[in-house]
Protein backbone atom coordinates (compact mmCIF):
# COMPACT_ATOMS: atom_id res chain seq x y z
CA MET A 1 20.02 12.10 -7.26
CA LYS A 2 20.40 9.59 -10.07
CA GLY A 3 24.10 10.29 -10.08
CA LEU A 4 24.26 9.60 -6.38
CA PHE A 5 22.74 6.13 -6.80
CA LYS A 6 24.73 5.36 -9.94
CA ASN A 7 27.97 6.15 -8.17
CA THR A 8 26.93 4.11 -5.15
CA GLN A 9 26.37 1.01 -7.24
CA ASN A 10 29.52 1.29 -9.33
CA GLN A 11 32.11 2.16 -6.68
CA SER A 12 34.14 -0.63 -5.15
CA TYR A 13 33.40 -0.83 -1.44
CA GLY A 14 35.43 1.69 0.52
CA VAL A 15 35.29 5.15 2.08
CA GLU A 16 33.45 6.76 -0.85
CA GLN A 17 30.78 4.09 -1.07
CA LYS A 18 30.29 4.22 2.68
CA LYS A 19 29.71 7.95 2.39
CA PHE A 20 27.26 7.44 -0.46
CA ASN A 21 25.33 4.91 1.61
CA GLN A 22 25.19 7.34 4.52
CA LYS A 23 23.87 10.06 2.21
CA LYS A 24 21.15 7.73 0.97
CA GLN A 25 20.09 6.97 4.52
CA ILE A 26 19.83 10.69 5.27
CA LEU A 27 17.63 11.20 2.22
CA LYS A 28 15.46 8.24 3.18
CA SER A 29 15.05 9.40 6.78
CA ILE A 30 13.87 12.83 5.69
CA TYR A 31 11.59 11.41 2.96
CA PHE A 32 9.75 9.23 5.47
CA ASN A 33 9.78 11.60 8.45
CA GLY A 34 9.89 15.14 7.07
CA ALA A 35 12.50 17.79 7.92
CA LEU A 36 14.86 16.72 10.72
CA ALA A 37 17.52 18.38 12.86
CA ASN A 38 21.09 17.15 12.57
CA SER A 39 20.87 15.70 16.09
CA ASP A 40 17.79 13.66 15.08
CA LEU A 41 19.61 12.35 12.02
CA ALA A 42 22.67 11.48 14.12
CA THR A 43 20.49 9.43 16.48
CA ARG A 44 18.60 7.66 13.70
CA LEU A 45 21.71 6.77 11.70
CA GLY A 46 24.07 6.14 14.61
CA LEU A 47 26.56 8.74 13.38
CA SER A 48 28.27 11.64 15.13
CA THR A 49 26.80 15.12 14.78
CA PRO A 50 29.95 16.46 13.04
CA LYS A 51 29.73 13.61 10.51
CA ILE A 52 26.05 14.38 9.85
CA ASN A 53 26.89 18.07 9.42
CA SER A 54 29.57 17.22 6.86
CA LEU A 55 27.20 14.96 4.88
CA LEU A 56 24.42 17.56 4.99
CA LEU A 57 26.72 20.20 3.54
CA GLU A 58 27.60 17.87 0.65
CA LEU A 59 23.93 17.08 0.03
CA ILE A 60 23.15 20.81 0.00
CA ASP A 61 25.88 21.22 -2.64
CA ASP A 62 24.31 18.30 -4.55
CA GLY A 63 21.05 20.26 -4.69
CA LEU A 64 19.12 17.63 -2.72
CA ILE A 65 18.92 19.09 0.80
CA VAL A 66 17.82 22.53 1.97
CA ASP A 67 18.36 24.19 5.35
CA ASN A 68 14.86 25.13 6.55
CA GLY A 69 16.13 27.23 9.44
CA PRO A 70 15.33 26.84 13.16
CA GLY A 71 12.60 24.38 14.09
CA ASP A 72 10.61 23.95 17.29
CA SER A 73 12.40 23.67 20.60
CA SER A 74 11.37 22.75 24.12
CA GLY A 75 13.93 25.19 25.47
CA GLY A 76 17.27 26.71 24.56
CA ARG A 77 18.51 27.42 21.09
CA ARG A 78 16.31 26.00 18.35
CA PRO A 79 18.18 23.61 16.03
CA ASN A 80 18.03 24.04 12.27
CA LYS A 81 15.97 21.49 10.40
CA TYR A 82 16.97 20.03 7.07
CA GLY A 83 14.47 19.03 4.40
CA LEU A 84 14.55 17.76 0.85
CA VAL A 85 14.50 20.12 -2.13
CA ASP A 86 10.94 19.93 -3.50
CA ASN A 87 11.72 18.52 -6.93
CA GLY A 88 15.19 17.13 -6.39
CA PHE A 89 13.95 13.77 -7.66
CA TYR A 90 10.72 11.91 -8.47
CA VAL A 91 9.41 8.51 -7.40
CA THR A 92 6.56 6.76 -9.22
CA GLY A 93 3.83 4.68 -7.59
CA ILE A 94 1.90 2.27 -9.81
CA THR A 95 -1.09 0.13 -8.94
CA ILE A 96 -1.86 -2.63 -11.45
CA GLY A 97 -5.15 -4.23 -10.53
CA VAL A 98 -7.65 -6.71 -11.89
CA HIS A 99 -9.58 -4.00 -13.74
CA HIS A 100 -7.33 -0.96 -14.19
CA THR A 101 -3.99 0.70 -13.52
CA THR A 102 -3.37 3.84 -11.48
CA ILE A 103 -0.19 5.92 -11.89
CA SER A 104 1.01 8.71 -9.59
CA VAL A 105 4.32 10.57 -9.48
CA PHE A 106 5.64 11.87 -6.15
CA ASN A 107 8.32 14.50 -5.66
CA SER A 108 11.16 14.25 -3.18
CA ASN A 109 8.92 15.53 -0.37
CA ASN A 110 6.49 12.67 -0.97
CA THR A 111 3.89 14.98 -2.50
CA ASN A 112 1.75 13.58 -5.29
CA ILE A 113 2.47 16.12 -8.02
CA THR A 114 0.42 14.50 -10.78
CA GLY A 115 -2.64 13.23 -8.97
CA PRO A 116 -3.85 9.71 -9.73
CA HIS A 117 -4.20 8.84 -13.42
CA ILE A 118 -6.36 5.80 -14.16
CA PHE A 119 -5.90 3.65 -17.28
CA PRO A 120 -7.64 0.48 -18.60
CA GLU A 121 -4.53 -1.72 -18.49
CA ASN A 122 -4.94 -4.65 -16.09
CA ILE A 123 -2.84 -7.45 -14.70
CA GLN A 124 -4.61 -10.08 -16.78
CA SER A 125 -3.12 -8.61 -19.96
CA GLY A 126 0.12 -10.63 -19.75
CA ILE A 127 3.72 -9.40 -19.55
CA THR A 128 3.11 -6.69 -22.16
CA VAL A 129 1.06 -4.84 -19.55
CA PHE A 130 4.34 -3.38 -18.28
CA SER A 131 5.24 -1.98 -21.68
CA ASN A 132 1.79 -0.43 -21.89
CA VAL A 133 2.07 0.99 -18.38
CA ASN A 134 5.43 2.53 -19.27
CA ASP A 135 3.76 4.23 -22.25
CA ARG A 136 1.02 5.47 -19.94
CA LEU A 137 3.65 6.85 -17.57
CA ASN A 138 5.11 8.83 -20.45
CA GLU A 139 1.63 10.22 -21.12
CA VAL A 140 1.36 11.37 -17.50
CA LEU A 141 4.80 12.97 -17.54
CA LYS A 142 4.10 14.78 -20.80
CA LYS A 143 0.74 16.03 -19.58
CA CYS A 144 2.23 17.31 -16.31
CA GLY A 145 5.41 18.71 -17.88
CA LEU A 146 7.78 16.52 -15.85
CA ASN A 147 11.26 15.32 -16.78
CA ARG A 148 11.50 11.52 -16.91
CA ASN A 149 15.24 11.71 -16.19
CA LYS A 150 14.45 12.88 -12.66
CA ILE A 151 12.60 9.64 -11.83
CA ILE A 152 14.96 7.53 -9.72
CA THR A 153 12.69 4.52 -9.18
CA ALA A 154 9.15 3.17 -9.41
CA GLY A 155 7.15 0.83 -7.22
CA ILE A 156 4.41 -1.46 -8.50
CA GLU A 157 1.72 -3.07 -6.38
CA MET A 158 -0.16 -6.03 -7.82
CA PRO A 159 -2.38 -8.87 -6.62
CA GLY A 160 -1.15 -12.44 -6.57
CA LEU A 161 1.51 -14.62 -4.97
CA VAL A 162 4.56 -12.39 -5.20
CA ASN A 163 8.04 -13.70 -4.43
CA THR A 164 10.36 -10.70 -4.56
CA LEU A 165 13.48 -12.79 -3.94
CA GLU A 166 12.88 -14.86 -7.08
CA GLY A 167 11.43 -11.85 -8.88
CA CYS A 168 8.13 -13.43 -9.86
CA ASN A 169 4.40 -13.38 -9.34
CA LYS A 170 3.36 -17.04 -9.22
CA THR A 171 -0.24 -16.14 -10.01
CA TYR A 172 0.23 -13.92 -13.06
CA PHE A 173 3.95 -13.90 -14.03
CA PRO A 174 5.45 -17.23 -12.88
CA GLU A 175 8.67 -16.73 -14.87
CA LYS A 176 11.53 -15.81 -12.55
CA ASP A 177 13.41 -12.52 -12.67
CA LEU A 178 10.61 -10.19 -13.65
CA TYR A 179 13.00 -7.40 -12.62
CA LYS A 180 14.92 -7.78 -15.91
CA GLN A 181 11.73 -7.27 -17.90
CA LEU A 182 10.82 -4.21 -15.87
CA GLN A 183 14.30 -2.73 -16.29
CA LYS A 184 13.99 -3.21 -20.06
CA TYR A 185 10.67 -1.39 -20.23
CA PHE A 186 11.28 1.42 -17.72
CA GLU A 187 15.09 1.89 -17.87
CA PHE A 188 15.28 2.76 -14.16
CA PRO A 189 15.02 0.51 -11.07
CA VAL A 190 11.52 -0.88 -10.52
CA PHE A 191 10.40 -2.85 -7.46
CA PHE A 192 7.15 -4.74 -7.02
CA GLU A 193 5.23 -6.38 -4.20
CA ASN A 194 1.81 -7.84 -3.36
CA ASP A 195 -0.88 -5.17 -2.95
CA ALA A 196 -1.75 -5.99 0.67
CA LYS A 197 1.91 -5.76 1.70
CA VAL A 198 2.40 -2.48 -0.16
CA ARG A 199 -0.61 -0.95 1.58
CA THR A 200 0.60 -2.24 4.93
CA PHE A 201 3.92 -0.52 4.21
CA ALA A 202 1.98 2.70 3.56
CA GLU A 203 0.11 2.33 6.86
CA GLN A 204 3.38 1.65 8.68
CA HIS A 205 5.02 4.85 7.49
CA PHE A 206 2.16 7.27 6.82
CA GLY A 207 -0.98 5.84 8.39
CA LEU A 208 -2.46 4.30 11.50
CA ALA A 209 0.38 1.79 12.00
CA LYS A 210 3.10 4.45 12.30
CA GLY A 211 4.95 3.91 15.57
CA ARG A 212 3.16 0.60 16.26
CA LYS A 213 4.93 -2.74 16.70
CA ASN A 214 2.40 -5.51 16.06
CA VAL A 215 -0.23 -4.69 13.47
CA LEU A 216 -2.34 -6.51 10.91
CA MET A 217 -3.72 -4.77 7.84
CA VAL A 218 -6.70 -6.45 6.14
CA HIS A 219 -6.92 -5.20 2.57
CA ILE A 220 -10.37 -5.66 1.01
CA GLY A 221 -10.40 -5.21 -2.73
CA TRP A 222 -11.78 -7.65 -5.27
CA GLY A 223 -10.11 -10.19 -3.01
CA VAL A 224 -9.00 -10.22 0.62
CA GLY A 225 -5.33 -9.81 1.52
CA LEU A 226 -3.39 -9.44 4.74
CA GLY A 227 -0.28 -7.48 5.65
CA ILE A 228 1.56 -8.45 8.82
CA ILE A 229 3.82 -6.26 10.95
CA ILE A 230 5.64 -8.16 13.69
CA ASP A 231 7.88 -6.31 16.13
CA GLY A 232 7.93 -3.31 13.80
CA HIS A 233 8.92 -5.26 10.68
CA LEU A 234 6.84 -6.21 7.65
CA TYR A 235 6.60 -10.01 7.64
CA ILE A 236 6.53 -11.71 4.22
CA GLY A 237 7.00 -15.39 5.11
CA ASN A 238 9.40 -17.99 3.74
CA SER A 239 8.49 -17.50 0.07
CA GLY A 240 6.93 -14.05 0.32
CA PHE A 241 3.40 -15.46 0.37
CA ALA A 242 2.42 -14.71 3.98
CA GLY A 243 -1.00 -13.12 4.29
CA GLU A 244 -3.22 -15.13 1.94
CA PHE A 245 -6.06 -14.53 4.38
CA GLY A 246 -8.76 -14.44 1.72
CA HIS A 247 -8.15 -18.05 0.72
CA MET A 248 -8.87 -19.49 4.15
CA PRO A 249 -11.96 -21.73 3.76
CA ILE A 250 -14.51 -20.41 6.25
CA VAL A 251 -17.99 -20.97 4.74
CA ASP A 252 -19.39 -24.51 4.89
CA ASN A 253 -20.72 -25.56 1.48
CA GLY A 254 -19.76 -22.13 0.14
CA ILE A 255 -19.31 -21.17 -3.49
CA LEU A 256 -16.24 -22.08 -5.51
CA CYS A 257 -13.38 -19.62 -5.19
CA LYS A 258 -11.11 -18.80 -8.12
CA CYS A 259 -8.29 -20.56 -6.25
CA GLY A 260 -10.17 -23.85 -6.65
CA LYS A 261 -11.36 -24.28 -3.05
CA GLN A 262 -14.90 -23.88 -1.78
CA GLY A 263 -16.05 -21.32 0.76
CA CYS A 264 -12.95 -19.10 0.95
CA LEU A 265 -13.38 -15.92 2.97
CA GLU A 266 -12.84 -13.97 -0.25
CA THR A 267 -16.10 -15.37 -1.65
CA ILE A 268 -18.18 -13.77 1.13
CA ALA A 269 -16.16 -10.82 2.48
CA SER A 270 -14.70 -8.91 -0.48
CA ALA A 271 -15.75 -6.07 -2.75
CA SER A 272 -16.72 -8.58 -5.42
CA ALA A 273 -18.79 -10.48 -2.84
CA ILE A 274 -20.69 -7.31 -1.93
CA ALA A 275 -21.63 -6.74 -5.57
CA ARG A 276 -22.54 -10.40 -6.08
CA LEU A 277 -24.73 -10.61 -2.96
CA ALA A 278 -26.53 -7.41 -3.94
CA LYS A 279 -27.24 -8.70 -7.46
CA GLU A 280 -28.46 -12.04 -6.11
CA GLY A 281 -30.78 -10.32 -3.66
CA ILE A 282 -32.30 -8.04 -6.29
CA MET A 283 -32.80 -10.96 -8.68
CA ALA A 284 -34.54 -12.84 -5.85
CA GLY A 285 -37.02 -9.99 -5.49
CA SER A 286 -35.61 -7.81 -2.71
CA SER A 287 -36.83 -4.21 -2.73
CA SER A 288 -34.02 -1.68 -2.97
CA LEU A 289 -32.91 1.72 -4.21
CA LEU A 290 -30.24 -0.10 -6.18
CA LYS A 291 -32.53 -0.68 -9.17
CA GLY A 292 -33.00 3.03 -9.67
CA LEU A 293 -29.30 3.79 -9.26
CA VAL A 294 -28.44 1.45 -12.16
CA ASP A 295 -31.52 2.14 -14.32
CA LYS A 296 -32.76 -1.41 -13.64
CA ASN A 297 -29.60 -2.88 -15.22
CA ILE A 298 -28.62 -5.23 -12.39
CA ASP A 299 -25.29 -6.11 -14.03
CA LYS A 300 -24.13 -2.54 -13.36
CA ILE A 301 -24.35 -2.93 -9.57
CA GLU A 302 -20.90 -2.45 -8.05
CA THR A 303 -19.59 -2.14 -4.51
CA SER A 304 -19.69 1.64 -4.77
CA THR A 305 -23.36 1.44 -5.81
CA VAL A 306 -24.23 -0.61 -2.72
CA ILE A 307 -22.40 1.84 -0.46
CA GLN A 308 -24.14 4.77 -2.15
CA ALA A 309 -27.54 3.17 -1.58
CA ALA A 310 -26.68 2.35 2.04
CA ASN A 311 -25.72 5.97 2.66
CA ALA A 312 -29.14 6.93 1.30
CA GLY A 313 -30.79 4.70 3.89
CA ASP A 314 -31.49 1.63 1.71
CA GLN A 315 -32.12 -1.20 4.18
CA PHE A 316 -31.32 -3.97 1.70
CA SER A 317 -27.87 -2.50 0.94
CA ILE A 318 -27.22 -1.98 4.65
CA SER A 319 -28.09 -5.64 5.27
CA VAL A 320 -25.66 -6.78 2.53
CA LEU A 321 -22.83 -4.78 4.10
CA SER A 322 -23.78 -6.13 7.53
CA ILE A 323 -23.62 -9.74 6.31
CA VAL A 324 -20.19 -9.15 4.76
CA GLY A 325 -19.07 -7.45 7.98
CA GLN A 326 -20.13 -10.46 10.06
CA TRP A 327 -18.13 -12.88 7.91
CA LEU A 328 -15.13 -10.56 7.85
CA GLY A 329 -15.34 -10.27 11.64
CA LYS A 330 -15.37 -14.06 11.97
CA GLY A 331 -12.21 -14.25 9.89
CA ILE A 332 -10.57 -11.46 11.88
CA ALA A 333 -11.41 -13.32 15.10
CA HIS A 334 -9.11 -16.14 13.93
CA LEU A 335 -6.33 -13.61 13.27
CA ILE A 336 -6.70 -12.16 16.76
CA GLN A 337 -6.42 -15.63 18.31
CA ILE A 338 -3.26 -16.38 16.33
CA PHE A 339 -1.39 -13.05 16.32
CA ASN A 340 -2.69 -11.13 19.37
CA PRO A 341 -2.07 -7.82 17.54
CA GLU A 342 -2.34 -4.38 19.12
CA LEU A 343 -4.11 -3.00 16.04
CA ILE A 344 -5.98 -4.32 13.02
CA ILE A 345 -6.50 -1.89 10.15
CA ILE A 346 -9.20 -2.55 7.57
CA GLY A 347 -8.48 -0.89 4.25
CA GLY A 348 -9.43 -1.04 0.61
CA ARG A 349 -12.80 -0.41 -0.96
CA VAL A 350 -14.88 -1.47 2.04
CA ALA A 351 -13.31 1.23 4.23
CA GLU A 352 -15.85 3.57 2.67
CA ALA A 353 -18.58 1.43 4.28
CA SER A 354 -17.15 1.56 7.81
CA LEU A 355 -20.35 3.15 9.16
CA PHE A 356 -22.29 -0.01 8.29
CA MET A 357 -19.64 -2.67 8.84
CA LYS A 358 -17.88 -1.75 12.07
CA ALA A 359 -20.65 -2.97 14.42
CA PRO A 360 -21.16 -6.39 12.75
CA ILE A 361 -17.39 -6.89 12.59
CA GLN A 362 -17.06 -6.18 16.32
CA GLN A 363 -20.04 -8.39 17.12
CA ALA A 364 -18.50 -11.32 15.24
CA ILE A 365 -15.16 -10.77 16.96
CA HIS A 366 -16.86 -10.89 20.35
CA THR A 367 -18.68 -14.07 19.31
CA TYR A 368 -15.74 -16.02 17.90
CA SER A 369 -12.67 -14.86 19.83
CA ASN A 370 -11.50 -14.92 23.44
CA ARG A 371 -12.50 -11.64 25.10
CA ASP A 372 -9.24 -11.45 27.07
CA ILE A 373 -7.35 -11.42 23.78
CA SER A 374 -9.72 -9.39 21.59
CA ASN A 375 -10.13 -6.66 24.19
CA ASP A 376 -6.44 -5.87 23.71
CA THR A 377 -6.88 -5.37 19.96
CA GLU A 378 -7.96 -2.08 18.44
CA ILE A 379 -9.96 -2.25 15.19
CA ASN A 380 -9.81 0.75 12.86
CA PHE A 381 -10.57 1.55 9.24
CA SER A 382 -7.74 3.06 7.18
CA ASN A 383 -7.77 6.82 6.67
CA LEU A 384 -5.41 6.69 3.67
CA GLY A 385 -8.24 5.88 1.27
CA SER A 386 -7.61 5.22 -2.41
CA LYS A 387 -4.18 6.90 -2.31
CA ALA A 388 -2.70 4.09 -0.19
CA GLY A 389 -1.64 1.93 -3.15
CA ALA A 390 0.41 4.44 -5.13
CA LEU A 391 1.72 6.11 -1.95
CA GLY A 392 2.90 2.79 -0.55
CA ALA A 393 4.34 1.57 -3.86
CA ALA A 394 6.44 4.71 -4.35
CA ALA A 395 7.73 4.67 -0.77
CA TYR A 396 8.42 0.93 -0.93
CA ALA A 397 10.53 1.45 -4.07
CA LEU A 398 12.53 4.25 -2.44
CA GLU A 399 13.14 2.08 0.61
CA LYS A 400 14.42 -0.76 -1.57
CA LEU A 401 16.59 1.54 -3.66
CA THR A 402 18.25 3.22 -0.69
CA ASN A 403 19.02 -0.17 0.84
CA LEU A 404 20.91 -1.45 -2.21
């Protein structure tokens, strides 16, 4: 597989490079959609069936494609389906967050073959975080007995204002051409993007947004991000900064946000806001199971603690989640008025609290948006869970690599 991409990049444009590009598109189609018949591939790639057959035979000889035999058929002879060889290549998905880093390695059939490995490195560590993450990747590969030479690319999701065209993260790594630094550390192609966009990409290909045209994905982590799909395409904006939903001032006389403005949505409708509101309530004297869950050490209250207490029937924790849901719903109402989406997906840490947040979110939407518009919008919580980041990052990197 590495040879295939190396040859593609070094050949002068002509018949051979065209063939290499067509092979890459076959591999990408099967990676994202599973085993496909030659007729399906011909339709997707706009090539003739004989041409697809010829390319498939070469990819079988390359050790990348396998003939899985006859698939399902609605009548007549069942066509053979072609899949990817299980470990023909590896793709790495990396999530670098505010508090820790998660690394997963996926095989050519998009199966996580290492499981998530969590490390203390965080995005506030400076540029050397990438060197440290590369060392951590080597630890994962050694532990799982995997060959680094079979990794063709890696994707990194990170918070912040990411401009992929300039190759920078204005928030954390403002120097342009971060790609050169990543190439130096990893020695294979690495692509990066904002966390909300990466998770929207995951939803688009493997989650609730698959097959949908106009979708918004609200990512609730320590902040609040937004991924936008318009007419089936991920929208990034003029500078790549589209979707800074969390920094929309929405609370009158609200607290100061880290961006410098007061009352941003992020200050009242994020995972960090849930923890803060819970701590404030306990310190003000509210009765709750939370004290017992943290052995009376209020500083240890986290979002997961609040959700745990709510699941145990703690009314205070349920009220905190309800308040956050109401504010989030008010923000979402503005999105509905502007975008008129068919679906809004809510993902990230608060998805685990959907039981307690869905009703207040819907109530706020009904209060603050036009019913004729909001009634056409479906609201759902992501079912990808914590795997969305690494899954989306790996797939995003493969997409970028195959489009070179």
